[in-house]
Amino acid sequence: MKTLTKLNYRAGRRPGSGLLKSVKSLMVAAALTVSMGMGAAFAAQDGRTDLKIAMPSTWASHGPTVNTSFGARVIYSIYDTLVWRDFLSNPDGSGAELVPGLATSWEQISPTEWDFTIRQGVKFHDGTTMTTADVAFSLNNTYGDGLEPFAASGTLASVVALDDNIVRITTKNPDPALLARMATVMGQVYPQAYYESVGKDGFGREPIGTGPYKWAGRVTGESVRLEAFDDYWGEKPPLASITFLEVPEVSSRIAGLLTGEYDIVTSLPPDQTRPIDNDDATEIRAVKIENVQMITFRQWKTDSPISDRRVRKAMVLSLNRQLLTERLWGGLTEAGTYDFPGYGEYYANRPALPYDPEEAKRLLAEAGYNGEEITIRIVSGYFVNMNRAMQAGLEMWKEVGLNVKLEFIENWGQMGKEGDAYNTSDNMWMTDPGGGMWFSWGREGGHRIQDWPNGEVPAEFLRLGTAIEQGSDFATRKAAYDALLEYWDEEVPAMLLQRPVEAYGVRKSLEWTPYTFFYMDFRAGAVKDNG
């Protein structure tokens, strides 16, 4: 696939797969038939594949600004964006070329004004035709409930439909990353009338977009199902349906792939993939994801040892992250930073803070740390290898005198504000340093701002991030970006663990390339079933 405008696609048709079905999958299929109508049961009658994907969890809402890793896998097929990031512009799925999507072209007419020419004749999943009014509404509505702005939208002043073809985006200040921003969830388009009729929550439960697959239902705790949208403006979707099945146990996902119950399984620890490697019909396709797993410190807790940056830094320096990546990730990745190759010329190739237990001891002595308990809360099993990494970390921290306690919880609803730190991760949503660290920790609406002291972005962080966001030339933005990375390593707002490796188990006869993000692409040209 070159670009969405060239439509250089392969159809990828095949007869029904005849996969083995377990009792569980038959029960799920029955539940889906009841909840979505009899049509779903015969979705593959035209010869296209019913693809089945097993992953640890499914997400409850799939609204237009969902930014969870599991939700992202699903919404990539539901929505299109104004600008499209062509991951396949690099054969390994790491491409960062920005090409036309729902906008066929664009023009900057002043430092803060851009005109986007909107593709005509595009249909929403409810059969209505997309208009420039829908585009303007979608971009203006990224504030969702009107209370908490989505961080990616922070530069927008207004979005106006000038006529039936042109939408004008006006930014609050010059925004050199606007095109990259329009290739994220920020640039997704959905129907205004439907959204307003059902509201934010209702839309999240039954979303409508312009993508190649449409919503076909969710069975809570079991699955999410999408069906082909054959009125798609691009080439006909190559799959009849996609079912994302919730299978928390790694062993169950692997077993289901080996028996043919699933076509793809996600979130496999790289050191547990041998059964798939040894099977003639399956294989592992692994890729480093543009994400960093971390332990975020609740710096606003002034009575906690972690309110002192020296203690935070000591925790990082005394954790042998390189050893953990070798043991748990098979040496396929490295200790994490907020510096990503996807930033192109801005990429600093900055190394992570080193393993230095002696310096950690010095910092703890300087801080007057005297064995006070530090509690880390972890949603058990949500992130690959997180439980094992933190359990190994206990011994490393103990060796330098740190008294760390782990509290494992079942789900995010139990997280609350307890503990001194908690597990999470951040994505490189944009192919620009205006995303990532600044996106989460500094930009208006950033979801990590609450963890700064007093819930306020420090003045220096704000100054550097603003220079990245608004800088008018490469040199200014690059200098600010490098300085922000330095600032991070001194203040250590979070303990960056590693850039995770997403190891997919895949049926060999399925042509499909994983991307360096959590998105899973099943458009024509991105998947072909030879089974």
Protein backbone atom coordinates (compact mmCIF):
# COMPACT_ATOMS: atom_id res chain seq x y z
CA MET A 1 0.00 0.00 0.00
CA LYS A 2 1.44 3.36 -1.05
CA THR A 3 -1.23 5.89 -0.16
CA LEU A 4 -4.93 5.89 0.44
CA THR A 5 -5.45 8.08 -2.60
CA LYS A 6 -3.77 5.70 -5.05
CA LEU A 7 -5.83 2.73 -3.83
CA ASN A 8 -3.02 0.35 -4.73
CA TYR A 9 -4.61 -2.57 -2.88
CA ARG A 10 -4.87 -6.35 -2.94
CA ALA A 11 -8.27 -7.92 -2.38
CA GLY A 12 -7.25 -10.88 -0.22
CA ARG A 13 -10.31 -13.11 -0.75
CA ARG A 14 -10.54 -16.73 0.30
CA PRO A 15 -13.17 -19.41 1.07
CA GLY A 16 -14.42 -19.93 4.59
CA SER A 17 -11.56 -20.90 6.89
CA GLY A 18 -13.07 -24.00 8.49
CA LEU A 19 -11.21 -23.29 11.73
CA LEU A 20 -11.66 -25.55 14.73
CA LYS A 21 -14.07 -24.15 17.29
CA SER A 22 -13.83 -24.59 21.03
CA VAL A 23 -16.87 -24.72 23.28
CA LYS A 24 -16.06 -21.20 24.47
CA SER A 25 -15.94 -19.72 20.97
CA LEU A 26 -19.26 -21.36 20.08
CA MET A 27 -20.83 -19.79 23.16
CA VAL A 28 -19.44 -16.38 22.18
CA ALA A 29 -20.75 -16.76 18.62
CA ALA A 30 -24.21 -17.63 19.96
CA ALA A 31 -24.20 -14.60 22.22
CA LEU A 32 -23.16 -12.35 19.34
CA THR A 33 -25.95 -13.73 17.14
CA VAL A 34 -28.56 -12.95 19.80
CA SER A 35 -27.19 -9.46 20.51
CA MET A 36 -26.59 -8.33 16.91
CA GLY A 37 -29.18 -10.17 14.81
CA MET A 38 -29.01 -13.16 12.54
CA GLY A 39 -27.11 -11.33 9.80
CA ALA A 40 -23.85 -11.52 11.75
CA ALA A 41 -23.84 -15.31 11.71
CA PHE A 42 -23.65 -15.35 7.89
CA ALA A 43 -21.13 -12.53 7.42
CA ALA A 44 -18.61 -14.76 5.62
CA GLN A 45 -20.98 -16.15 2.98
CA ASP A 46 -19.26 -14.14 0.19
CA GLY A 47 -15.99 -15.98 0.78
CA ARG A 48 -14.19 -13.35 2.85
CA THR A 49 -12.57 -14.36 6.12
CA ASP A 50 -14.06 -13.93 9.57
CA LEU A 51 -10.86 -12.95 11.38
CA LYS A 52 -10.56 -13.79 15.08
CA ILE A 53 -8.08 -11.99 17.33
CA ALA A 54 -7.45 -12.89 20.97
CA MET A 55 -6.11 -10.20 23.30
CA PRO A 56 -6.01 -9.86 27.10
CA SER A 57 -8.84 -7.33 27.39
CA THR A 58 -11.42 -5.35 25.49
CA TRP A 59 -12.39 -1.76 26.19
CA ALA A 60 -15.90 -0.62 27.14
CA SER A 61 -16.00 2.56 25.04
CA HIS A 62 -14.74 3.14 21.51
CA GLY A 63 -15.48 6.82 21.15
CA PRO A 64 -13.49 9.16 18.88
CA THR A 65 -10.74 10.04 21.38
CA VAL A 66 -10.13 6.64 22.98
CA ASN A 67 -6.40 6.38 23.69
CA THR A 68 -5.94 2.98 25.32
CA SER A 69 -3.78 0.32 23.71
CA PHE A 70 -6.59 -2.25 23.43
CA GLY A 71 -9.15 0.31 22.30
CA ALA A 72 -6.71 1.57 19.63
CA ARG A 73 -6.57 -1.88 18.02
CA VAL A 74 -10.32 -1.70 17.38
CA ILE A 75 -10.91 1.95 16.45
CA TYR A 76 -8.30 1.89 13.68
CA SER A 77 -10.81 0.00 11.55
CA ILE A 78 -13.82 2.15 12.55
CA TYR A 79 -12.54 5.66 11.84
CA ASP A 80 -10.51 7.43 9.18
CA THR A 81 -8.49 10.59 9.79
CA LEU A 82 -8.05 13.79 7.78
CA VAL A 83 -4.38 12.99 7.24
CA TRP A 84 -3.12 9.42 7.12
CA ARG A 85 0.12 8.04 8.52
CA ASP A 86 1.31 5.43 6.05
CA PHE A 87 3.03 2.89 8.31
CA LEU A 88 3.76 0.73 5.25
CA SER A 89 5.85 3.47 3.67
CA ASN A 90 8.53 1.44 5.48
CA PRO A 91 8.10 -2.30 4.78
CA ASP A 92 8.65 -3.14 8.45
CA GLY A 93 5.57 -1.16 9.51
CA SER A 94 7.45 1.81 10.99
CA GLY A 95 6.72 4.31 8.22
CA ALA A 96 5.94 7.91 9.18
CA GLU A 97 4.97 9.40 5.80
CA LEU A 98 1.87 11.60 6.04
CA VAL A 99 -0.49 11.29 3.07
CA PRO A 100 -4.07 12.30 2.17
CA GLY A 101 -6.90 10.66 4.06
CA LEU A 102 -10.36 12.19 4.42
CA ALA A 103 -8.67 15.38 3.25
CA THR A 104 -7.38 15.13 -0.30
CA SER A 105 -5.09 18.15 0.05
CA TRP A 106 -4.25 21.06 2.35
CA GLU A 107 -2.74 24.52 2.18
CA GLN A 108 -1.32 26.80 4.86
CA ILE A 109 -2.66 30.27 4.13
CA SER A 110 -1.21 32.09 7.16
CA PRO A 111 0.95 31.16 10.19
CA THR A 112 -2.20 30.05 12.04
CA GLU A 113 -4.65 29.12 9.25
CA TRP A 114 -4.86 25.95 7.19
CA ASP A 115 -7.44 25.03 4.53
CA PHE A 116 -8.22 21.33 4.06
CA THR A 117 -10.02 20.09 0.94
CA ILE A 118 -12.40 17.34 2.05
CA ARG A 119 -12.95 14.12 0.10
CA GLN A 120 -16.41 13.98 -1.48
CA GLY A 121 -18.93 11.11 -1.47
CA VAL A 122 -17.63 9.47 1.72
CA LYS A 123 -20.30 7.47 3.58
CA PHE A 124 -20.70 7.01 7.31
CA HIS A 125 -21.65 3.57 8.62
CA ASP A 126 -25.26 4.72 9.07
CA GLY A 127 -25.48 5.45 5.34
CA THR A 128 -25.37 9.23 5.59
CA THR A 129 -22.85 11.22 3.56
CA MET A 130 -19.96 12.94 5.33
CA THR A 131 -20.04 16.73 5.03
CA THR A 132 -17.62 19.49 5.87
CA ALA A 133 -19.96 20.33 8.76
CA ASP A 134 -19.33 16.84 10.17
CA VAL A 135 -15.59 17.38 9.84
CA ALA A 136 -15.73 20.72 11.64
CA PHE A 137 -17.91 19.28 14.39
CA SER A 138 -15.63 16.28 14.91
CA LEU A 139 -12.50 18.39 15.29
CA ASN A 140 -14.19 20.99 17.48
CA ASN A 141 -15.75 18.28 19.64
CA THR A 142 -12.49 16.70 20.80
CA TYR A 143 -13.29 18.21 24.18
CA GLY A 144 -15.83 15.40 24.53
CA ASP A 145 -17.92 16.33 27.53
CA GLY A 146 -16.92 19.99 27.36
CA LEU A 147 -14.97 19.79 30.60
CA GLU A 148 -11.72 17.95 29.97
CA PRO A 149 -9.97 18.86 26.71
CA PHE A 150 -8.23 16.09 24.84
CA ALA A 151 -4.53 16.96 24.87
CA ALA A 152 -4.03 16.66 21.09
CA SER A 153 -6.62 19.38 20.44
CA GLY A 154 -4.99 22.04 22.57
CA THR A 155 -3.65 24.18 19.70
CA LEU A 156 -6.99 24.55 17.93
CA ALA A 157 -8.78 27.88 18.11
CA SER A 158 -11.57 27.03 15.66
CA VAL A 159 -12.57 24.69 12.86
CA VAL A 160 -15.06 26.09 10.33
CA ALA A 161 -16.67 24.66 7.20
CA LEU A 162 -16.12 27.40 4.59
CA ASP A 163 -18.26 25.61 1.98
CA ASP A 164 -19.08 22.07 0.84
CA ASN A 165 -15.42 21.35 0.03
CA ILE A 166 -13.15 23.33 2.37
CA VAL A 167 -12.63 23.24 6.13
CA ARG A 168 -10.47 25.93 7.69
CA ILE A 169 -8.49 25.11 10.84
CA THR A 170 -7.28 28.10 12.83
CA THR A 171 -4.75 27.46 15.59
CA LYS A 172 -4.09 29.53 18.71
CA ASN A 173 -0.47 29.89 17.67
CA PRO A 174 1.70 28.61 14.82
CA ASP A 175 1.54 24.82 15.03
CA PRO A 176 4.30 23.06 13.04
CA ALA A 177 2.88 19.68 14.08
CA LEU A 178 -0.67 20.24 12.82
CA LEU A 179 -0.49 17.67 10.01
CA ALA A 180 0.93 15.08 12.39
CA ARG A 181 -1.87 15.99 14.82
CA MET A 182 -4.50 15.40 12.11
CA ALA A 183 -3.13 11.86 11.61
CA THR A 184 -3.99 10.91 15.21
CA VAL A 185 -7.36 10.31 16.89
CA MET A 186 -7.60 14.11 16.84
CA GLY A 187 -8.27 13.93 13.09
CA GLN A 188 -10.99 11.25 13.20
CA VAL A 189 -14.36 12.17 11.71
CA TYR A 190 -17.84 11.00 12.74
CA PRO A 191 -21.45 12.09 12.10
CA GLN A 192 -22.61 15.14 14.05
CA ALA A 193 -26.32 14.26 13.98
CA TYR A 194 -25.81 10.77 15.39
CA TYR A 195 -23.35 11.92 18.06
CA GLU A 196 -25.72 14.63 19.25
CA SER A 197 -28.67 12.21 19.30
CA VAL A 198 -27.01 9.57 21.49
CA GLY A 199 -24.49 11.65 23.46
CA LYS A 200 -20.88 10.93 24.34
CA ASP A 201 -21.52 7.72 26.32
CA GLY A 202 -23.99 6.30 23.84
CA PHE A 203 -21.64 7.03 20.97
CA GLY A 204 -18.80 5.25 22.77
CA ARG A 205 -20.97 2.16 23.16
CA GLU A 206 -22.04 2.11 19.48
CA PRO A 207 -19.61 4.23 17.44
CA ILE A 208 -20.04 5.27 13.81
CA GLY A 209 -17.21 6.36 11.55
CA THR A 210 -16.14 6.20 7.90
CA GLY A 211 -13.68 3.30 8.25
CA PRO A 212 -13.69 -0.01 6.33
CA TYR A 213 -15.36 -1.93 9.19
CA LYS A 214 -18.46 -0.99 11.14
CA TRP A 215 -19.52 -1.69 14.71
CA ALA A 216 -21.43 -4.96 15.13
CA GLY A 217 -21.62 -5.27 18.91
CA ARG A 218 -19.85 -5.99 22.17
CA VAL A 219 -20.38 -8.78 24.67
CA THR A 220 -19.06 -7.43 27.96
CA GLY A 221 -16.09 -9.41 29.20
CA GLU A 222 -15.98 -11.55 26.04
CA SER A 223 -15.66 -9.80 22.69
CA VAL A 224 -16.00 -6.87 20.30
CA ARG A 225 -17.13 -7.52 16.74
CA LEU A 226 -16.80 -5.45 13.56
CA GLU A 227 -18.26 -6.21 10.12
CA ALA A 228 -17.15 -5.14 6.64
CA PHE A 229 -18.53 -1.79 5.48
CA ASP A 230 -18.88 -2.36 1.75
CA ASP A 231 -19.82 1.26 1.06
CA TYR A 232 -16.32 2.25 2.15
CA TRP A 233 -14.88 5.05 0.00
CA GLY A 234 -11.68 3.07 -0.59
CA GLU A 235 -11.40 -0.45 -1.94
CA LYS A 236 -13.78 -3.06 -0.55
CA PRO A 237 -12.66 -4.39 2.86
CA PRO A 238 -10.90 -7.74 2.40
CA LEU A 239 -12.38 -9.35 5.54
CA ALA A 240 -16.02 -10.18 6.25
CA SER A 241 -15.66 -9.46 9.95
CA ILE A 242 -13.18 -9.01 12.77
CA THR A 243 -13.86 -10.36 16.25
CA PHE A 244 -11.62 -9.23 19.10
CA LEU A 245 -11.93 -11.86 21.82
CA GLU A 246 -11.06 -11.20 25.46
CA VAL A 247 -8.67 -13.97 26.57
CA PRO A 248 -6.68 -12.86 29.66
CA GLU A 249 -4.43 -15.92 30.01
CA VAL A 250 -1.32 -16.09 27.83
CA SER A 251 -1.46 -19.89 27.72
CA SER A 252 -5.07 -19.83 26.49
CA ARG A 253 -4.24 -17.37 23.72
CA ILE A 254 -1.34 -19.53 22.56
CA ALA A 255 -3.39 -22.74 22.72
CA GLY A 256 -6.19 -21.13 20.72
CA LEU A 257 -3.79 -20.05 17.99
CA LEU A 258 -2.24 -23.52 17.76
CA THR A 259 -5.65 -25.22 17.41
CA GLY A 260 -6.85 -22.73 14.80
CA GLU A 261 -9.44 -21.10 17.03
CA TYR A 262 -7.72 -17.71 16.60
CA ASP A 263 -5.94 -16.20 13.60
CA ILE A 264 -3.90 -13.64 15.58
CA VAL A 265 -3.09 -13.43 19.28
CA THR A 266 -1.60 -10.32 20.90
CA SER A 267 0.44 -9.36 23.95
CA LEU A 268 2.72 -12.40 24.21
CA PRO A 269 5.81 -12.27 26.46
CA PRO A 270 8.74 -12.88 24.09
CA ASP A 271 10.17 -15.54 26.40
CA GLN A 272 6.98 -17.65 26.17
CA THR A 273 6.64 -18.00 22.41
CA ARG A 274 8.42 -21.32 21.82
CA PRO A 275 5.23 -23.39 21.18
CA ILE A 276 4.33 -21.01 18.34
CA ASP A 277 7.89 -21.02 16.96
CA ASN A 278 7.81 -24.83 16.88
CA ASP A 279 4.47 -25.05 15.07
CA ASP A 280 4.44 -25.39 11.27
CA ALA A 281 1.28 -23.32 10.80
CA THR A 282 2.03 -20.34 13.07
CA GLU A 283 4.79 -17.83 13.70
CA ILE A 284 5.76 -14.87 15.86
CA ARG A 285 5.81 -11.39 14.33
CA ALA A 286 7.37 -9.00 16.82
CA VAL A 287 7.83 -5.23 16.68
CA LYS A 288 8.96 -2.53 19.09
CA ILE A 289 6.01 -0.30 19.87
CA GLU A 290 6.14 3.50 19.97
CA ASN A 291 5.26 3.41 23.65
CA VAL A 292 7.09 3.42 26.96
CA GLN A 293 5.97 1.46 30.01
CA MET A 294 6.52 3.28 33.27
CA ILE A 295 5.92 3.68 36.96
CA THR A 296 4.50 7.16 37.52
CA PHE A 297 5.21 8.92 40.83
CA ARG A 298 2.44 10.77 42.65
CA GLN A 299 4.63 13.81 43.32
CA TRP A 300 1.76 15.74 44.86
CA LYS A 301 1.99 13.48 47.95
CA THR A 302 4.19 15.77 50.02
CA ASP A 303 4.38 13.28 52.90
CA SER A 304 5.81 10.55 50.63
CA PRO A 305 9.54 9.85 50.10
CA ILE A 306 9.00 10.14 46.33
CA SER A 307 8.23 13.86 46.65
CA ASP A 308 12.05 14.20 46.74
CA ARG A 309 13.51 13.90 43.23
CA ARG A 310 16.67 12.31 44.66
CA VAL A 311 14.64 9.35 45.92
CA ARG A 312 12.87 9.05 42.58
CA LYS A 313 16.16 9.10 40.71
CA ALA A 314 17.66 6.56 43.11
CA MET A 315 14.80 4.17 42.32
CA VAL A 316 15.63 4.43 38.61
CA LEU A 317 19.41 4.13 39.01
CA SER A 318 19.10 1.05 41.23
CA LEU A 319 16.81 -0.83 38.82
CA ASN A 320 18.86 -2.79 36.30
CA ARG A 321 16.54 -2.18 33.39
CA GLN A 322 18.93 -3.53 30.79
CA LEU A 323 19.10 -6.86 32.62
CA LEU A 324 15.31 -6.95 32.78
CA THR A 325 14.99 -6.36 29.04
CA GLU A 326 17.46 -9.17 28.36
CA ARG A 327 15.74 -11.65 30.69
CA LEU A 328 12.09 -10.75 30.09
CA TRP A 329 12.14 -9.39 26.55
CA GLY A 330 14.81 -11.59 24.98
CA GLY A 331 17.08 -8.62 24.30
CA LEU A 332 14.61 -7.30 21.71
CA THR A 333 14.36 -3.87 23.32
CA GLU A 334 16.18 -1.55 25.72
CA ALA A 335 15.61 0.64 28.77
CA GLY A 336 12.98 3.25 27.99
CA THR A 337 13.09 6.96 27.22
CA TYR A 338 10.66 9.50 25.76
CA ASP A 339 12.91 9.79 22.69
CA PHE A 340 11.48 7.92 19.66
CA PRO A 341 12.98 7.26 16.20
CA GLY A 342 9.58 8.15 14.76
CA TYR A 343 10.39 11.81 15.48
CA GLY A 344 12.68 11.79 12.46
CA GLU A 345 15.29 14.57 12.51
CA TYR A 346 14.31 15.49 16.05
CA TYR A 347 15.32 12.05 17.36
CA ALA A 348 18.18 12.59 19.82
CA ASN A 349 19.12 8.92 20.30
CA ARG A 350 19.49 9.79 23.98
CA PRO A 351 20.46 6.87 26.22
CA ALA A 352 18.41 5.98 29.26
CA LEU A 353 19.69 6.73 32.75
CA PRO A 354 22.29 4.04 33.57
CA TYR A 355 22.23 1.32 36.19
CA ASP A 356 24.28 2.88 39.00
CA PRO A 357 23.49 1.50 42.48
CA GLU A 358 26.36 3.39 44.13
CA GLU A 359 25.03 6.73 42.92
CA ALA A 360 21.57 5.62 44.08
CA LYS A 361 22.92 5.03 47.59
CA ARG A 362 24.57 8.45 47.58
CA LEU A 363 21.37 10.18 46.54
CA LEU A 364 19.35 8.36 49.21
CA ALA A 365 21.85 9.40 51.90
CA GLU A 366 21.79 12.99 50.66
CA ALA A 367 17.98 12.97 50.75
CA GLY A 368 17.94 11.64 54.32
CA TYR A 369 15.92 8.60 53.30
CA ASN A 370 15.58 6.22 56.24
CA GLY A 371 13.70 3.19 54.97
CA GLU A 372 10.24 4.74 54.68
CA GLU A 373 7.84 2.49 52.77
CA ILE A 374 7.17 3.29 49.10
CA THR A 375 4.07 1.60 47.64
CA ILE A 376 3.61 0.90 43.93
CA ARG A 377 0.11 -0.06 42.77
CA ILE A 378 -0.08 -2.32 39.71
CA VAL A 379 -3.02 -3.46 37.61
CA SER A 380 -2.03 -7.11 37.49
CA GLY A 381 -1.44 -8.57 34.04
CA TYR A 382 -2.46 -5.47 32.09
CA PHE A 383 1.03 -4.77 30.72
CA VAL A 384 3.16 -7.60 29.37
CA ASN A 385 5.91 -8.53 31.86
CA MET A 386 5.09 -5.67 34.25
CA ASN A 387 4.35 -7.97 37.22
CA ARG A 388 7.56 -9.92 36.73
CA ALA A 389 9.70 -6.82 36.25
CA MET A 390 8.45 -5.20 39.45
CA GLN A 391 8.88 -8.39 41.47
CA ALA A 392 12.49 -8.59 40.28
CA GLY A 393 12.88 -4.91 41.09
CA LEU A 394 12.04 -5.49 44.75
CA GLU A 395 15.36 -7.25 45.32
CA MET A 396 17.33 -4.60 43.40
CA TRP A 397 15.79 -1.78 45.42
CA LYS A 398 16.35 -3.67 48.66
CA GLU A 399 20.08 -3.86 47.89
CA VAL A 400 20.40 -0.06 48.00
CA GLY A 401 18.20 0.34 51.06
CA LEU A 402 14.86 1.17 49.42
CA ASN A 403 11.77 -0.25 51.12
CA VAL A 404 9.34 -0.85 48.26
CA LYS A 405 5.98 -2.62 48.52
CA LEU A 406 3.89 -3.84 45.58
CA GLU A 407 0.09 -3.77 45.66
CA PHE A 408 -1.55 -5.74 42.84
CA ILE A 409 -5.10 -4.81 41.88
CA GLU A 410 -7.52 -6.35 39.39
CA ASN A 411 -8.53 -3.41 37.21
CA TRP A 412 -8.16 0.33 36.63
CA GLY A 413 -11.39 1.04 38.49
CA GLN A 414 -9.61 0.01 41.68
CA MET A 415 -6.60 2.28 41.16
CA GLY A 416 -7.83 5.37 43.00
CA LYS A 417 -5.22 7.71 44.48
CA GLU A 418 -3.67 5.25 46.90
CA GLY A 419 0.01 4.41 46.85
CA ASP A 420 3.08 6.47 46.04
CA ALA A 421 3.32 5.36 42.41
CA TYR A 422 1.42 3.32 39.84
CA ASN A 423 1.96 1.45 36.59
CA THR A 424 1.03 3.03 33.29
CA SER A 425 2.39 3.71 29.81
CA ASP A 426 2.54 6.52 27.26
CA ASN A 427 2.26 6.40 23.49
CA MET A 428 4.04 8.40 20.82
CA TRP A 429 0.75 9.50 19.27
CA MET A 430 2.35 11.96 16.87
CA THR A 431 5.35 11.72 14.56
CA ASP A 432 6.63 14.89 16.21
CA PRO A 433 8.16 15.76 19.62
CA GLY A 434 5.04 17.84 20.26
CA GLY A 435 3.54 14.48 21.16
CA GLY A 436 4.79 11.97 23.73
CA MET A 437 6.20 13.62 26.82
CA TRP A 438 4.81 17.10 26.18
CA PHE A 439 1.47 15.66 25.06
CA SER A 440 1.02 13.84 28.40
CA TRP A 441 2.83 15.96 30.96
CA GLY A 442 2.51 19.56 29.76
CA ARG A 443 -0.09 20.19 27.06
CA GLU A 444 -3.50 21.44 28.23
CA GLY A 445 -5.56 18.37 29.08
CA GLY A 446 -2.51 16.10 29.42
CA HIS A 447 -3.44 13.07 31.49
CA ARG A 448 -0.22 13.09 33.57
CA ILE A 449 -0.39 16.72 34.70
CA GLN A 450 -2.29 15.64 37.80
CA ASP A 451 0.85 13.84 39.05
CA TRP A 452 3.08 16.95 39.21
CA PRO A 453 3.50 18.68 42.61
CA ASN A 454 0.23 20.51 43.29
CA GLY A 455 -1.05 19.22 39.96
CA GLU A 456 0.71 22.08 38.15
CA VAL A 457 3.19 21.88 35.28
CA PRO A 458 6.60 23.26 36.42
CA ALA A 459 7.51 26.57 34.79
CA GLU A 460 10.65 25.27 33.03
CA PHE A 461 8.86 22.23 31.63
CA LEU A 462 6.09 24.52 30.41
CA ARG A 463 8.59 26.91 28.78
CA LEU A 464 10.44 24.18 26.91
CA GLY A 465 7.31 22.35 25.84
CA THR A 466 5.74 25.54 24.55
CA ALA A 467 8.87 26.23 22.50
CA ILE A 468 8.52 22.77 20.93
CA GLU A 469 4.84 23.28 20.18
CA GLN A 470 5.09 26.80 18.81
CA GLY A 471 8.67 27.02 17.49
CA SER A 472 8.81 28.36 13.96
CA ASP A 473 12.10 26.74 12.92
CA PHE A 474 13.81 23.39 13.31
CA ALA A 475 16.76 24.65 15.37
CA THR A 476 14.53 26.27 18.01
CA ARG A 477 12.33 23.21 18.36
CA LYS A 478 15.26 20.78 18.40
CA ALA A 479 17.10 22.71 21.13
CA ALA A 480 13.96 22.82 23.28
CA TYR A 481 13.35 19.11 22.76
CA ASP A 482 16.90 18.16 23.79
CA ALA A 483 16.63 20.39 26.87
CA LEU A 484 13.29 18.83 27.81
CA LEU A 485 14.83 15.35 27.72
CA GLU A 486 17.59 16.62 30.02
CA TYR A 487 15.02 18.16 32.36
CA TRP A 488 13.17 14.84 32.53
CA ASP A 489 16.27 12.92 33.59
CA GLU A 490 16.93 15.40 36.40
CA GLU A 491 13.39 15.57 37.76
CA VAL A 492 12.35 11.93 37.06
CA PRO A 493 8.55 12.36 37.15
CA ALA A 494 8.25 8.66 36.28
CA MET A 495 10.46 5.59 36.14
CA LEU A 496 10.64 4.67 32.44
CA LEU A 497 11.03 0.91 32.14
CA GLN A 498 11.29 -0.03 28.47
CA ARG A 499 9.83 0.44 25.05
CA PRO A 500 7.72 -2.73 24.92
CA VAL A 501 7.87 -5.35 22.23
CA GLU A 502 4.52 -6.43 20.85
CA ALA A 503 4.86 -10.10 19.95
CA TYR A 504 1.93 -11.30 17.87
CA GLY A 505 1.26 -14.96 17.22
CA VAL A 506 -0.05 -15.19 13.65
CA ARG A 507 -1.32 -17.90 11.33
CA LYS A 508 1.41 -18.16 8.67
CA SER A 509 -1.02 -18.12 5.75
CA LEU A 510 -2.21 -14.64 6.79
CA GLU A 511 -0.27 -11.83 5.08
CA TRP A 512 -0.29 -9.03 7.63
CA THR A 513 2.43 -6.71 8.98
CA PRO A 514 2.35 -5.41 12.57
CA TYR A 515 2.87 -1.66 12.94
CA THR A 516 5.15 0.11 15.43
CA PHE A 517 2.02 1.27 17.23
CA PHE A 518 -0.88 -0.61 18.80
CA TYR A 519 -3.01 -0.06 15.71
CA MET A 520 -3.96 -3.19 13.76
CA ASP A 521 -4.64 -2.45 10.09
CA PHE A 522 -7.00 -4.67 8.09
CA ARG A 523 -7.66 -2.39 5.13
CA ALA A 524 -7.20 -3.64 1.60
CA GLY A 525 -3.48 -3.79 0.88
CA ALA A 526 -2.64 -4.36 4.55
CA VAL A 527 -3.99 -7.92 4.89
CA LYS A 528 -4.44 -10.92 2.60
CA ASP A 529 -5.52 -14.42 3.60
CA ASN A 530 -3.82 -17.22 1.69
CA GLY A 531 -5.13 -19.97 3.95
